[in-house]
Structures are given as structure tokens and as C-alpha cells.
Amino acid sequence: MLRRVRGCTICRDSPLGRPLSHEPRPVLRARASARIAICSQAPGVRVHASGTPFTDPSGVRLRAWLGTSEEEFYDESRIAIVPMGFCFPGQTADGSDRPPRRECAPAWRDLIFTRLPNVELLLAIGRPAQVWHLGGDAGANATAAVADWQRIVARPSLPKVVPLPHPSWRNNAWLKRNPWFEAETIPVVKAMVRRALAARHVES
């Protein structure tokens, strides 16, 4: 499945709308044993160049939020990284990254998650992931979803889904306006991540 996804060119050859303007380079990491799935938006330009997810300042902040080392974060037997769009979608005129390509999720997402049966914690980073994985519980916007995290986490479902804002520097102002997120949500997220990683360690 990973070989098939990494060879995908649907956004260039059979696009929904304007085709991707550069060579596709799908970026994701997963193994069937993973207990945690990080579901973000789409690779940025640095990740497009490196081929490794979160090799940028967003990754530094995300690893701090999760309380993981780089070694733990990139251990795909424990943590799957499955963005909503696998390829860098390009940038707008003002230099912002475009939204994830619309082709990826319908073509691949359900197939991939049928092969991740052990995921017990899913981190939905950003609005596209929240809408996909939370459905009607996604709220009116990303802030509403993140603010409702306690009710969402308490749902009797597996995997447990935690809505998170994107760790990009572009959200610095949001973090300042919402200090409760790092004060109240992040300690719980770290504990959930640690429990999931510990469970995988015991089994190995």
C-alpha cells in the first residue's frame, strides 16, 4: 500500500480542478503496528524537498506538544504520519500553502486506515483532518473543535481523536489568544501519547 501511495500521481494526471504544478512527491509514514496516527494537512515546501514529514519548525513544536523525541516521533512502527494530502499543494500568491489536494483523501484514506488496525490515538491537526475524522463533531471551525476536545476525547470510540491546531508559526497569534490550549490540553495530550507508546513498548 505504501509503495502504491508513494507512486501516486492522481493530483497531476487526474486532478479535481487545476493539476498540481510540480512533480508529485507523496509523503507519509506508517506500519500496521502503529498505535498513534498523526493526521495533519499536507507537506510544506521543506518536507517536499526532504521527503520526511515535519522536518521544519512546525515539527519541532509538534514534538514538544507530544513530548516525544525525534527517535520516537519517526519510529513508524509506533507512530503513523498520514496527512490529508500527501503532496505539497503549492503556494498562493501571498506565500501561504494551499489547502490539501482534494484527490488524496477519497482515493486513499479509508484503504490506509484499514491497514492500521492498532491505532488507538489519532491526532487531527487542522480543519481538513478534523472534518474528515470527526464528522458532525468537528464543530463550526477549528477553534470550536479544539475547544471541545474534552467531550470529543470522551466519546466511546476507537481510536480516540484529539483535535489540535496546526503547529505552524502562522498560529502563534491563535496560541496567544488561547493560552488554555497549551496550559490545559497539551499536558493531557502528552499523557495520552506516553500511554500509547508504552503499550507498544510492552508488546514488543
N, C-alpha and C. Protein backbone atom coordinates (compact mmCIF):
# COMPACT_ATOMS: atom_id res chain seq x y z
N MET A 1 0.82 -1.19 0.00
CA MET A 1 0.00 0.00 0.00
C MET A 1 0.87 1.26 0.00
N LEU A 2 1.92 1.28 0.82
CA LEU A 2 2.79 2.45 0.86
C LEU A 2 3.48 2.68 -0.48
N ARG A 3 3.89 1.61 -1.13
CA ARG A 3 4.52 1.76 -2.45
C ARG A 3 3.53 2.35 -3.45
N ARG A 4 2.28 1.90 -3.37
CA ARG A 4 1.26 2.42 -4.28
C ARG A 4 1.02 3.91 -4.02
N VAL A 5 0.90 4.29 -2.76
CA VAL A 5 0.65 5.70 -2.44
C VAL A 5 1.83 6.56 -2.86
N ARG A 6 3.03 6.08 -2.59
CA ARG A 6 4.21 6.89 -2.92
C ARG A 6 4.43 7.03 -4.42
N GLY A 7 3.79 6.17 -5.19
CA GLY A 7 3.86 6.29 -6.63
C GLY A 7 2.67 7.01 -7.23
N CYS A 8 1.78 7.52 -6.39
CA CYS A 8 0.54 8.13 -6.87
C CYS A 8 0.83 9.47 -7.56
N THR A 9 0.15 9.70 -8.69
CA THR A 9 0.25 10.97 -9.42
C THR A 9 -1.14 11.50 -9.78
N ILE A 10 -2.14 11.10 -9.01
CA ILE A 10 -3.52 11.46 -9.35
C ILE A 10 -3.73 12.97 -9.39
N CYS A 11 -3.04 13.71 -8.53
CA CYS A 11 -3.24 15.16 -8.48
C CYS A 11 -2.67 15.85 -9.73
N ARG A 12 -1.80 15.17 -10.43
CA ARG A 12 -1.26 15.71 -11.68
C ARG A 12 -1.99 15.16 -12.90
N ASP A 13 -2.30 13.87 -12.86
CA ASP A 13 -2.82 13.21 -14.06
C ASP A 13 -4.34 13.12 -14.12
N SER A 14 -5.01 13.08 -12.96
CA SER A 14 -6.49 13.02 -12.93
C SER A 14 -7.00 13.97 -11.85
N PRO A 15 -6.69 15.24 -11.98
CA PRO A 15 -6.96 16.18 -10.89
C PRO A 15 -8.43 16.55 -10.76
N LEU A 16 -8.79 16.96 -9.56
CA LEU A 16 -10.08 17.61 -9.31
C LEU A 16 -9.81 19.11 -9.34
N GLY A 17 -9.98 19.70 -10.49
CA GLY A 17 -9.62 21.10 -10.66
C GLY A 17 -8.25 21.23 -11.31
N ARG A 18 -7.55 22.28 -10.97
CA ARG A 18 -6.25 22.55 -11.57
C ARG A 18 -5.23 21.48 -11.17
N PRO A 19 -4.47 20.96 -12.13
CA PRO A 19 -3.50 19.92 -11.77
C PRO A 19 -2.34 20.50 -10.95
N LEU A 20 -1.71 19.63 -10.19
CA LEU A 20 -0.53 20.03 -9.44
C LEU A 20 0.53 20.56 -10.41
N SER A 21 1.14 21.67 -10.06
CA SER A 21 2.04 22.35 -11.00
C SER A 21 3.47 21.84 -10.92
N HIS A 22 3.76 20.92 -10.00
CA HIS A 22 5.12 20.38 -9.88
C HIS A 22 5.03 18.86 -9.76
N GLU A 23 6.15 18.21 -9.77
CA GLU A 23 6.18 16.75 -9.71
C GLU A 23 5.63 16.26 -8.37
N PRO A 24 4.67 15.35 -8.37
CA PRO A 24 4.14 14.82 -7.11
C PRO A 24 5.24 14.10 -6.31
N ARG A 25 5.18 14.27 -4.99
CA ARG A 25 6.07 13.53 -4.10
C ARG A 25 5.30 13.21 -2.82
N PRO A 26 4.48 12.15 -2.84
CA PRO A 26 3.70 11.81 -1.66
C PRO A 26 4.59 11.50 -0.46
N VAL A 27 4.23 12.06 0.67
CA VAL A 27 5.00 11.89 1.91
C VAL A 27 4.07 11.35 3.00
N LEU A 28 4.37 10.18 3.51
CA LEU A 28 3.65 9.60 4.64
C LEU A 28 4.52 8.51 5.24
N ARG A 29 4.17 8.12 6.48
CA ARG A 29 4.89 7.05 7.17
C ARG A 29 3.87 6.21 7.92
N ALA A 30 3.99 4.89 7.86
CA ALA A 30 3.04 4.03 8.56
C ALA A 30 3.52 2.60 8.58
N ARG A 31 3.14 1.89 9.63
CA ARG A 31 3.22 0.44 9.69
C ARG A 31 1.99 -0.06 10.42
N ALA A 32 1.63 -1.30 10.18
CA ALA A 32 0.40 -1.84 10.77
C ALA A 32 0.43 -1.85 12.29
N SER A 33 1.62 -1.84 12.88
CA SER A 33 1.74 -1.90 14.34
C SER A 33 1.56 -0.55 15.02
N ALA A 34 1.45 0.54 14.28
CA ALA A 34 1.40 1.88 14.86
C ALA A 34 0.20 2.02 15.79
N ARG A 35 0.44 2.65 16.95
CA ARG A 35 -0.63 2.91 17.92
C ARG A 35 -1.14 4.34 17.83
N ILE A 36 -0.36 5.22 17.24
CA ILE A 36 -0.71 6.64 17.13
C ILE A 36 -0.71 7.02 15.66
N ALA A 37 -1.70 7.81 15.25
CA ALA A 37 -1.72 8.35 13.90
C ALA A 37 -1.76 9.87 13.98
N ILE A 38 -0.81 10.51 13.34
CA ILE A 38 -0.77 11.96 13.23
C ILE A 38 -1.36 12.31 11.87
N CYS A 39 -2.50 13.00 11.89
CA CYS A 39 -3.22 13.32 10.66
C CYS A 39 -3.24 14.84 10.49
N SER A 40 -2.32 15.33 9.69
CA SER A 40 -2.15 16.76 9.51
C SER A 40 -2.73 17.18 8.17
N GLN A 41 -2.27 18.30 7.63
CA GLN A 41 -2.88 18.85 6.43
C GLN A 41 -2.18 18.36 5.17
N ALA A 42 -0.99 18.86 4.90
CA ALA A 42 -0.23 18.46 3.71
C ALA A 42 1.22 18.90 3.92
N PRO A 43 2.16 18.25 3.24
CA PRO A 43 3.56 18.65 3.37
C PRO A 43 3.79 20.09 2.92
N GLY A 44 4.71 20.77 3.59
CA GLY A 44 5.15 22.08 3.15
C GLY A 44 6.32 21.94 2.18
N VAL A 45 6.84 23.08 1.77
CA VAL A 45 7.90 23.06 0.76
C VAL A 45 9.16 22.38 1.28
N ARG A 46 9.48 22.55 2.56
CA ARG A 46 10.68 21.89 3.11
C ARG A 46 10.51 20.38 3.15
N VAL A 47 9.32 19.93 3.51
CA VAL A 47 9.06 18.49 3.55
C VAL A 47 9.04 17.92 2.14
N HIS A 48 8.53 18.69 1.20
CA HIS A 48 8.58 18.25 -0.20
C HIS A 48 10.02 18.00 -0.63
N ALA A 49 10.93 18.85 -0.18
CA ALA A 49 12.34 18.70 -0.54
C ALA A 49 12.99 17.53 0.18
N SER A 50 12.65 17.35 1.47
CA SER A 50 13.32 16.31 2.26
C SER A 50 12.69 14.93 2.10
N GLY A 51 11.39 14.89 1.83
CA GLY A 51 10.68 13.61 1.76
C GLY A 51 10.35 13.02 3.12
N THR A 52 10.62 13.77 4.19
CA THR A 52 10.35 13.32 5.55
C THR A 52 9.40 14.31 6.21
N PRO A 53 8.29 13.84 6.79
CA PRO A 53 7.31 14.78 7.35
C PRO A 53 7.83 15.54 8.56
N PHE A 54 7.39 16.78 8.67
CA PHE A 54 7.66 17.64 9.82
C PHE A 54 9.15 17.89 10.05
N THR A 55 9.91 17.99 8.95
CA THR A 55 11.31 18.42 9.07
C THR A 55 11.36 19.93 8.90
N ASP A 56 10.69 20.62 9.80
CA ASP A 56 10.58 22.07 9.74
C ASP A 56 10.22 22.56 11.15
N PRO A 57 10.13 23.88 11.36
CA PRO A 57 9.79 24.38 12.70
C PRO A 57 8.46 23.87 13.24
N SER A 58 7.51 23.59 12.35
CA SER A 58 6.25 23.01 12.82
C SER A 58 6.48 21.67 13.50
N GLY A 59 7.42 20.89 12.97
CA GLY A 59 7.74 19.61 13.56
C GLY A 59 8.36 19.74 14.93
N VAL A 60 9.20 20.76 15.10
CA VAL A 60 9.81 20.99 16.41
C VAL A 60 8.73 21.28 17.45
N ARG A 61 7.79 22.14 17.08
CA ARG A 61 6.71 22.48 18.02
C ARG A 61 5.81 21.27 18.26
N LEU A 62 5.49 20.52 17.22
CA LEU A 62 4.62 19.37 17.39
C LEU A 62 5.24 18.33 18.31
N ARG A 63 6.52 18.06 18.13
CA ARG A 63 7.18 17.09 19.01
C ARG A 63 7.20 17.58 20.45
N ALA A 64 7.31 18.90 20.66
CA ALA A 64 7.24 19.45 22.02
C ALA A 64 5.83 19.27 22.59
N TRP A 65 4.82 19.50 21.75
CA TRP A 65 3.44 19.29 22.23
C TRP A 65 3.21 17.84 22.63
N LEU A 66 3.76 16.92 21.87
CA LEU A 66 3.52 15.49 22.13
C LEU A 66 4.45 14.92 23.20
N GLY A 67 5.54 15.64 23.49
CA GLY A 67 6.50 15.14 24.45
C GLY A 67 7.30 13.96 23.94
N THR A 68 7.58 13.94 22.64
CA THR A 68 8.32 12.83 22.05
C THR A 68 9.70 13.29 21.60
N SER A 69 10.62 12.37 21.60
CA SER A 69 11.93 12.61 20.99
C SER A 69 11.79 12.44 19.48
N GLU A 70 12.81 12.87 18.75
CA GLU A 70 12.80 12.64 17.30
C GLU A 70 12.79 11.15 17.00
N GLU A 71 13.52 10.38 17.78
CA GLU A 71 13.57 8.93 17.55
C GLU A 71 12.19 8.31 17.69
N GLU A 72 11.46 8.69 18.74
CA GLU A 72 10.10 8.17 18.93
C GLU A 72 9.17 8.66 17.82
N PHE A 73 9.28 9.93 17.50
CA PHE A 73 8.38 10.54 16.52
C PHE A 73 8.50 9.88 15.16
N TYR A 74 9.72 9.52 14.77
CA TYR A 74 9.94 8.94 13.44
C TYR A 74 10.00 7.41 13.45
N ASP A 75 9.61 6.80 14.55
CA ASP A 75 9.51 5.34 14.60
C ASP A 75 8.15 4.94 14.05
N GLU A 76 8.09 4.62 12.76
CA GLU A 76 6.81 4.38 12.11
C GLU A 76 6.14 3.09 12.59
N SER A 77 6.86 2.25 13.30
CA SER A 77 6.21 1.09 13.90
C SER A 77 5.34 1.50 15.09
N ARG A 78 5.53 2.74 15.57
CA ARG A 78 4.77 3.24 16.72
C ARG A 78 3.88 4.43 16.36
N ILE A 79 4.36 5.28 15.46
CA ILE A 79 3.61 6.48 15.09
C ILE A 79 3.49 6.54 13.57
N ALA A 80 2.25 6.53 13.08
CA ALA A 80 1.98 6.73 11.66
C ALA A 80 1.74 8.22 11.42
N ILE A 81 2.23 8.71 10.29
CA ILE A 81 2.01 10.11 9.90
C ILE A 81 1.31 10.08 8.55
N VAL A 82 0.02 10.41 8.58
CA VAL A 82 -0.83 10.26 7.39
C VAL A 82 -1.57 11.57 7.14
N PRO A 83 -0.98 12.49 6.40
CA PRO A 83 -1.64 13.78 6.16
C PRO A 83 -2.87 13.64 5.28
N MET A 84 -3.68 14.68 5.26
CA MET A 84 -4.88 14.67 4.43
C MET A 84 -4.52 14.72 2.95
N GLY A 85 -3.48 15.43 2.62
CA GLY A 85 -2.95 15.47 1.27
C GLY A 85 -1.50 15.04 1.33
N PHE A 86 -1.08 14.14 0.47
CA PHE A 86 0.26 13.56 0.58
C PHE A 86 1.35 14.39 -0.10
N CYS A 87 0.95 15.24 -1.03
CA CYS A 87 1.93 16.05 -1.77
C CYS A 87 1.85 17.52 -1.38
N PHE A 88 2.97 18.20 -1.46
CA PHE A 88 2.98 19.65 -1.28
C PHE A 88 2.03 20.27 -2.30
N PRO A 89 1.01 21.02 -1.85
CA PRO A 89 -0.01 21.50 -2.79
C PRO A 89 0.34 22.79 -3.51
N GLY A 90 1.52 23.35 -3.22
CA GLY A 90 1.88 24.64 -3.81
C GLY A 90 1.48 25.79 -2.92
N GLN A 91 1.76 27.00 -3.38
CA GLN A 91 1.51 28.19 -2.56
C GLN A 91 0.62 29.19 -3.29
N THR A 92 -0.06 29.99 -2.50
CA THR A 92 -0.88 31.07 -3.04
C THR A 92 0.01 32.27 -3.36
N ALA A 93 -0.58 33.31 -3.91
CA ALA A 93 0.19 34.49 -4.29
C ALA A 93 0.85 35.17 -3.09
N ASP A 94 0.26 35.04 -1.90
CA ASP A 94 0.84 35.67 -0.72
C ASP A 94 1.84 34.77 0.02
N GLY A 95 2.13 33.62 -0.56
CA GLY A 95 3.13 32.72 0.02
C GLY A 95 2.59 31.71 1.00
N SER A 96 1.28 31.67 1.20
CA SER A 96 0.69 30.66 2.08
C SER A 96 0.56 29.33 1.34
N ASP A 97 0.67 28.24 2.08
CA ASP A 97 0.45 26.93 1.47
C ASP A 97 -1.02 26.78 1.09
N ARG A 98 -1.26 26.18 -0.07
CA ARG A 98 -2.63 25.89 -0.47
C ARG A 98 -3.21 24.77 0.40
N PRO A 99 -4.53 24.62 0.42
CA PRO A 99 -5.14 23.51 1.16
C PRO A 99 -4.70 22.17 0.58
N PRO A 100 -4.85 21.09 1.34
CA PRO A 100 -4.53 19.77 0.81
C PRO A 100 -5.29 19.48 -0.47
N ARG A 101 -4.64 18.77 -1.38
CA ARG A 101 -5.30 18.38 -2.61
C ARG A 101 -6.55 17.55 -2.30
N ARG A 102 -7.61 17.75 -3.09
CA ARG A 102 -8.88 17.07 -2.82
C ARG A 102 -8.88 15.61 -3.28
N GLU A 103 -7.89 15.22 -4.09
CA GLU A 103 -7.90 13.86 -4.63
C GLU A 103 -7.45 12.81 -3.60
N CYS A 104 -6.55 13.19 -2.70
CA CYS A 104 -5.87 12.20 -1.86
C CYS A 104 -6.81 11.43 -0.94
N ALA A 105 -7.56 12.17 -0.13
CA ALA A 105 -8.35 11.51 0.91
C ALA A 105 -9.37 10.53 0.35
N PRO A 106 -10.19 10.92 -0.65
CA PRO A 106 -11.15 9.93 -1.18
C PRO A 106 -10.48 8.72 -1.82
N ALA A 107 -9.32 8.93 -2.42
CA ALA A 107 -8.66 7.82 -3.12
C ALA A 107 -7.98 6.84 -2.17
N TRP A 108 -7.44 7.34 -1.05
CA TRP A 108 -6.54 6.50 -0.27
C TRP A 108 -6.88 6.33 1.21
N ARG A 109 -7.60 7.29 1.80
CA ARG A 109 -7.63 7.35 3.26
C ARG A 109 -8.27 6.10 3.89
N ASP A 110 -9.42 5.71 3.42
CA ASP A 110 -10.08 4.53 4.00
C ASP A 110 -9.23 3.28 3.81
N LEU A 111 -8.61 3.14 2.66
CA LEU A 111 -7.77 1.98 2.40
C LEU A 111 -6.59 1.92 3.37
N ILE A 112 -5.98 3.07 3.61
CA ILE A 112 -4.83 3.11 4.51
C ILE A 112 -5.24 2.74 5.93
N PHE A 113 -6.36 3.29 6.40
CA PHE A 113 -6.72 3.05 7.80
C PHE A 113 -7.24 1.64 8.04
N THR A 114 -7.68 0.95 7.00
CA THR A 114 -7.99 -0.47 7.19
C THR A 114 -6.73 -1.26 7.47
N ARG A 115 -5.58 -0.71 7.12
CA ARG A 115 -4.30 -1.38 7.35
C ARG A 115 -3.57 -0.84 8.58
N LEU A 116 -4.28 -0.03 9.36
CA LEU A 116 -3.74 0.48 10.63
C LEU A 116 -4.69 0.08 11.76
N PRO A 117 -4.83 -1.22 12.01
CA PRO A 117 -5.86 -1.69 12.95
C PRO A 117 -5.53 -1.42 14.41
N ASN A 118 -4.27 -1.08 14.71
CA ASN A 118 -3.87 -0.92 16.10
C ASN A 118 -3.86 0.52 16.58
N VAL A 119 -4.24 1.45 15.72
CA VAL A 119 -4.24 2.86 16.13
C VAL A 119 -5.28 3.09 17.21
N GLU A 120 -4.82 3.60 18.36
CA GLU A 120 -5.73 3.90 19.47
C GLU A 120 -5.84 5.39 19.73
N LEU A 121 -4.93 6.18 19.18
CA LEU A 121 -4.93 7.63 19.38
C LEU A 121 -4.68 8.30 18.04
N LEU A 122 -5.61 9.16 17.62
CA LEU A 122 -5.49 9.86 16.36
C LEU A 122 -5.49 11.35 16.63
N LEU A 123 -4.46 12.04 16.19
CA LEU A 123 -4.32 13.47 16.39
C LEU A 123 -4.72 14.17 15.10
N ALA A 124 -5.88 14.85 15.14
CA ALA A 124 -6.43 15.52 13.96
C ALA A 124 -5.95 16.97 13.96
N ILE A 125 -4.94 17.24 13.15
CA ILE A 125 -4.27 18.54 13.17
C ILE A 125 -4.79 19.40 12.03
N GLY A 126 -5.53 20.45 12.38
CA GLY A 126 -6.06 21.35 11.36
C GLY A 126 -7.44 20.95 10.90
N ARG A 127 -8.10 21.88 10.25
CA ARG A 127 -9.51 21.72 9.91
C ARG A 127 -9.81 20.54 8.98
N PRO A 128 -9.06 20.34 7.88
CA PRO A 128 -9.42 19.22 6.99
C PRO A 128 -9.42 17.86 7.71
N ALA A 129 -8.44 17.62 8.56
CA ALA A 129 -8.38 16.35 9.29
C ALA A 129 -9.51 16.25 10.30
N GLN A 130 -9.85 17.37 10.93
CA GLN A 130 -10.94 17.35 11.91
C GLN A 130 -12.28 17.04 11.25
N VAL A 131 -12.54 17.65 10.11
CA VAL A 131 -13.80 17.39 9.41
C VAL A 131 -13.87 15.93 8.97
N TRP A 132 -12.77 15.41 8.45
CA TRP A 132 -12.77 14.02 7.96
C TRP A 132 -12.96 13.02 9.09
N HIS A 133 -12.22 13.21 10.18
CA HIS A 133 -12.19 12.19 11.22
C HIS A 133 -13.23 12.40 12.32
N LEU A 134 -13.81 13.61 12.42
CA LEU A 134 -14.81 13.86 13.46
C LEU A 134 -16.22 13.99 12.90
N GLY A 135 -16.34 14.22 11.62
CA GLY A 135 -17.68 14.35 11.04
C GLY A 135 -18.48 15.45 11.72
N GLY A 136 -19.66 15.11 12.21
CA GLY A 136 -20.53 16.08 12.84
C GLY A 136 -20.01 16.65 14.13
N ASP A 137 -19.00 16.04 14.73
CA ASP A 137 -18.41 16.56 15.96
C ASP A 137 -17.30 17.57 15.70
N ALA A 138 -17.08 17.92 14.44
CA ALA A 138 -15.97 18.83 14.11
C ALA A 138 -16.28 20.27 14.47
N GLY A 139 -17.54 20.60 14.76
CA GLY A 139 -17.89 21.95 15.14
C GLY A 139 -17.89 22.91 13.97
N ALA A 140 -18.05 24.18 14.28
CA ALA A 140 -18.17 25.20 13.24
C ALA A 140 -16.84 25.57 12.61
N ASN A 141 -15.75 25.41 13.35
CA ASN A 141 -14.43 25.77 12.85
C ASN A 141 -13.39 25.07 13.71
N ALA A 142 -12.12 25.27 13.36
CA ALA A 142 -11.04 24.57 14.07
C ALA A 142 -10.98 24.98 15.54
N THR A 143 -11.18 26.25 15.83
CA THR A 143 -11.15 26.70 17.22
C THR A 143 -12.23 26.02 18.04
N ALA A 144 -13.44 25.91 17.47
CA ALA A 144 -14.53 25.25 18.18
C ALA A 144 -14.20 23.78 18.44
N ALA A 145 -13.61 23.12 17.45
CA ALA A 145 -13.25 21.71 17.63
C ALA A 145 -12.20 21.53 18.71
N VAL A 146 -11.17 22.36 18.67
CA VAL A 146 -10.09 22.24 19.66
C VAL A 146 -10.61 22.56 21.06
N ALA A 147 -11.47 23.56 21.17
CA ALA A 147 -12.01 23.94 22.47
C ALA A 147 -12.90 22.83 23.04
N ASP A 148 -13.46 22.00 22.18
CA ASP A 148 -14.36 20.93 22.60
C ASP A 148 -13.63 19.60 22.80
N TRP A 149 -12.34 19.65 22.95
CA TRP A 149 -11.51 18.44 22.94
C TRP A 149 -11.90 17.46 24.05
N GLN A 150 -12.29 17.96 25.21
CA GLN A 150 -12.60 17.04 26.31
C GLN A 150 -13.81 16.16 25.98
N ARG A 151 -14.85 16.76 25.42
CA ARG A 151 -16.02 15.98 25.04
C ARG A 151 -15.69 15.01 23.92
N ILE A 152 -14.87 15.47 22.96
CA ILE A 152 -14.51 14.62 21.82
C ILE A 152 -13.69 13.42 22.28
N VAL A 153 -12.74 13.66 23.16
CA VAL A 153 -11.89 12.57 23.65
C VAL A 153 -12.71 11.57 24.47
N ALA A 154 -13.75 12.06 25.13
CA ALA A 154 -14.57 11.19 25.99
C ALA A 154 -15.54 10.32 25.21
N ARG A 155 -15.66 10.53 23.89
CA ARG A 155 -16.57 9.70 23.10
C ARG A 155 -16.18 8.22 23.20
N PRO A 156 -17.16 7.34 23.27
CA PRO A 156 -16.86 5.89 23.38
C PRO A 156 -16.50 5.31 22.01
N SER A 157 -15.35 5.70 21.51
CA SER A 157 -14.95 5.24 20.19
C SER A 157 -13.45 5.02 20.15
N LEU A 158 -13.03 4.16 19.26
CA LEU A 158 -11.61 3.96 19.00
C LEU A 158 -11.38 4.12 17.50
N PRO A 159 -10.31 4.81 17.13
CA PRO A 159 -9.35 5.42 18.03
C PRO A 159 -9.91 6.67 18.70
N LYS A 160 -9.29 7.06 19.82
CA LYS A 160 -9.59 8.34 20.42
C LYS A 160 -9.04 9.43 19.50
N VAL A 161 -9.87 10.42 19.19
CA VAL A 161 -9.46 11.50 18.31
C VAL A 161 -9.28 12.76 19.14
N VAL A 162 -8.12 13.41 18.98
CA VAL A 162 -7.85 14.68 19.66
C VAL A 162 -7.67 15.76 18.59
N PRO A 163 -8.54 16.77 18.55
CA PRO A 163 -8.36 17.86 17.59
C PRO A 163 -7.30 18.84 18.07
N LEU A 164 -6.37 19.17 17.19
CA LEU A 164 -5.28 20.09 17.53
C LEU A 164 -5.18 21.17 16.46
N PRO A 165 -4.72 22.37 16.83
CA PRO A 165 -4.40 23.37 15.82
C PRO A 165 -3.11 22.96 15.11
N HIS A 166 -2.88 23.55 13.96
CA HIS A 166 -1.61 23.26 13.28
C HIS A 166 -0.48 23.93 14.06
N PRO A 167 0.66 23.25 14.22
CA PRO A 167 1.78 23.83 14.98
C PRO A 167 2.59 24.88 14.21
N SER A 168 2.11 25.32 13.08
CA SER A 168 2.81 26.32 12.28
C SER A 168 2.98 27.63 13.03
N TRP A 169 4.04 28.37 12.70
CA TRP A 169 4.25 29.70 13.26
C TRP A 169 3.09 30.63 12.91
N ARG A 170 2.37 30.32 11.85
CA ARG A 170 1.22 31.15 11.48
C ARG A 170 0.13 31.11 12.54
N ASN A 171 0.18 30.15 13.43
CA ASN A 171 -0.80 30.07 14.51
C ASN A 171 -0.29 30.65 15.82
N ASN A 172 0.83 31.36 15.79
CA ASN A 172 1.35 31.97 17.02
C ASN A 172 0.33 32.91 17.66
N ALA A 173 -0.36 33.71 16.84
CA ALA A 173 -1.35 34.65 17.38
C ALA A 173 -2.51 33.88 18.01
N TRP A 174 -2.93 32.76 17.37
CA TRP A 174 -4.00 31.94 17.94
C TRP A 174 -3.58 31.40 19.29
N LEU A 175 -2.36 30.92 19.40
CA LEU A 175 -1.89 30.37 20.67
C LEU A 175 -1.86 31.43 21.77
N LYS A 176 -1.52 32.66 21.41
CA LYS A 176 -1.52 33.74 22.40
C LYS A 176 -2.93 34.09 22.84
N ARG A 177 -3.88 34.02 21.91
CA ARG A 177 -5.28 34.33 22.25
C ARG A 177 -5.94 33.20 23.04
N ASN A 178 -5.38 32.00 22.95
CA ASN A 178 -5.98 30.83 23.59
C ASN A 178 -4.95 30.12 24.47
N PRO A 179 -4.50 30.78 25.53
CA PRO A 179 -3.45 30.18 26.38
C PRO A 179 -3.89 28.89 27.06
N TRP A 180 -5.21 28.66 27.16
CA TRP A 180 -5.71 27.44 27.77
C TRP A 180 -5.23 26.20 27.02
N PHE A 181 -4.99 26.35 25.71
CA PHE A 181 -4.63 25.17 24.92
C PHE A 181 -3.34 24.55 25.43
N GLU A 182 -2.29 25.34 25.54
CA GLU A 182 -1.01 24.78 26.00
C GLU A 182 -1.03 24.50 27.49
N ALA A 183 -1.84 25.24 28.25
CA ALA A 183 -1.89 25.03 29.70
C ALA A 183 -2.73 23.82 30.08
N GLU A 184 -3.82 23.56 29.35
CA GLU A 184 -4.77 22.52 29.77
C GLU A 184 -4.78 21.31 28.84
N THR A 185 -4.73 21.55 27.54
CA THR A 185 -4.86 20.44 26.60
C THR A 185 -3.56 19.68 26.43
N ILE A 186 -2.47 20.40 26.26
CA ILE A 186 -1.20 19.75 25.95
C ILE A 186 -0.75 18.75 27.02
N PRO A 187 -0.87 19.04 28.34
CA PRO A 187 -0.48 18.01 29.32
C PRO A 187 -1.27 16.71 29.17
N VAL A 188 -2.55 16.80 28.82
CA VAL A 188 -3.35 15.59 28.63
C VAL A 188 -2.91 14.85 27.37
N VAL A 189 -2.63 15.62 26.30
CA VAL A 189 -2.16 15.00 25.06
C VAL A 189 -0.84 14.26 25.31
N LYS A 190 0.07 14.88 26.03
CA LYS A 190 1.35 14.22 26.32
C LYS A 190 1.13 12.92 27.08
N ALA A 191 0.22 12.93 28.04
CA ALA A 191 -0.05 11.71 28.81
C ALA A 191 -0.65 10.62 27.92
N MET A 192 -1.56 11.00 27.02
CA MET A 192 -2.17 10.03 26.12
C MET A 192 -1.13 9.43 25.17
N VAL A 193 -0.25 10.29 24.66
CA VAL A 193 0.81 9.82 23.77
C VAL A 193 1.73 8.85 24.52
N ARG A 194 2.09 9.21 25.74
CA ARG A 194 3.01 8.36 26.50
C ARG A 194 2.37 7.01 26.78
N ARG A 195 1.08 6.97 27.10
CA ARG A 195 0.41 5.69 27.35
C ARG A 195 0.40 4.83 26.09
N ALA A 196 0.12 5.45 24.95
CA ALA A 196 0.08 4.68 23.71
C ALA A 196 1.46 4.14 23.35
N LEU A 197 2.48 4.94 23.54
CA LEU A 197 3.84 4.47 23.25
C LEU A 197 4.27 3.38 24.22
N ALA A 198 3.88 3.51 25.47
CA ALA A 198 4.24 2.50 26.47
C ALA A 198 3.56 1.18 26.15
N ALA A 199 2.32 1.22 25.69
CA ALA A 199 1.62 -0.02 25.35
C ALA A 199 2.33 -0.74 24.23
N ARG A 200 2.78 0.00 23.23
CA ARG A 200 3.53 -0.60 22.12
C ARG A 200 4.84 -1.18 22.60
N HIS A 201 5.48 -0.48 23.55
CA HIS A 201 6.77 -0.96 24.06
C HIS A 201 6.60 -2.28 24.81
N VAL A 202 5.55 -2.38 25.63
CA VAL A 202 5.32 -3.60 26.39
C VAL A 202 5.12 -4.78 25.45
N GLU A 203 4.35 -4.57 24.37
CA GLU A 203 4.09 -5.66 23.44
C GLU A 203 5.35 -6.12 22.71
N SER A 204 6.28 -5.19 22.48
CA SER A 204 7.48 -5.56 21.74
C SER A 204 8.46 -6.30 22.64
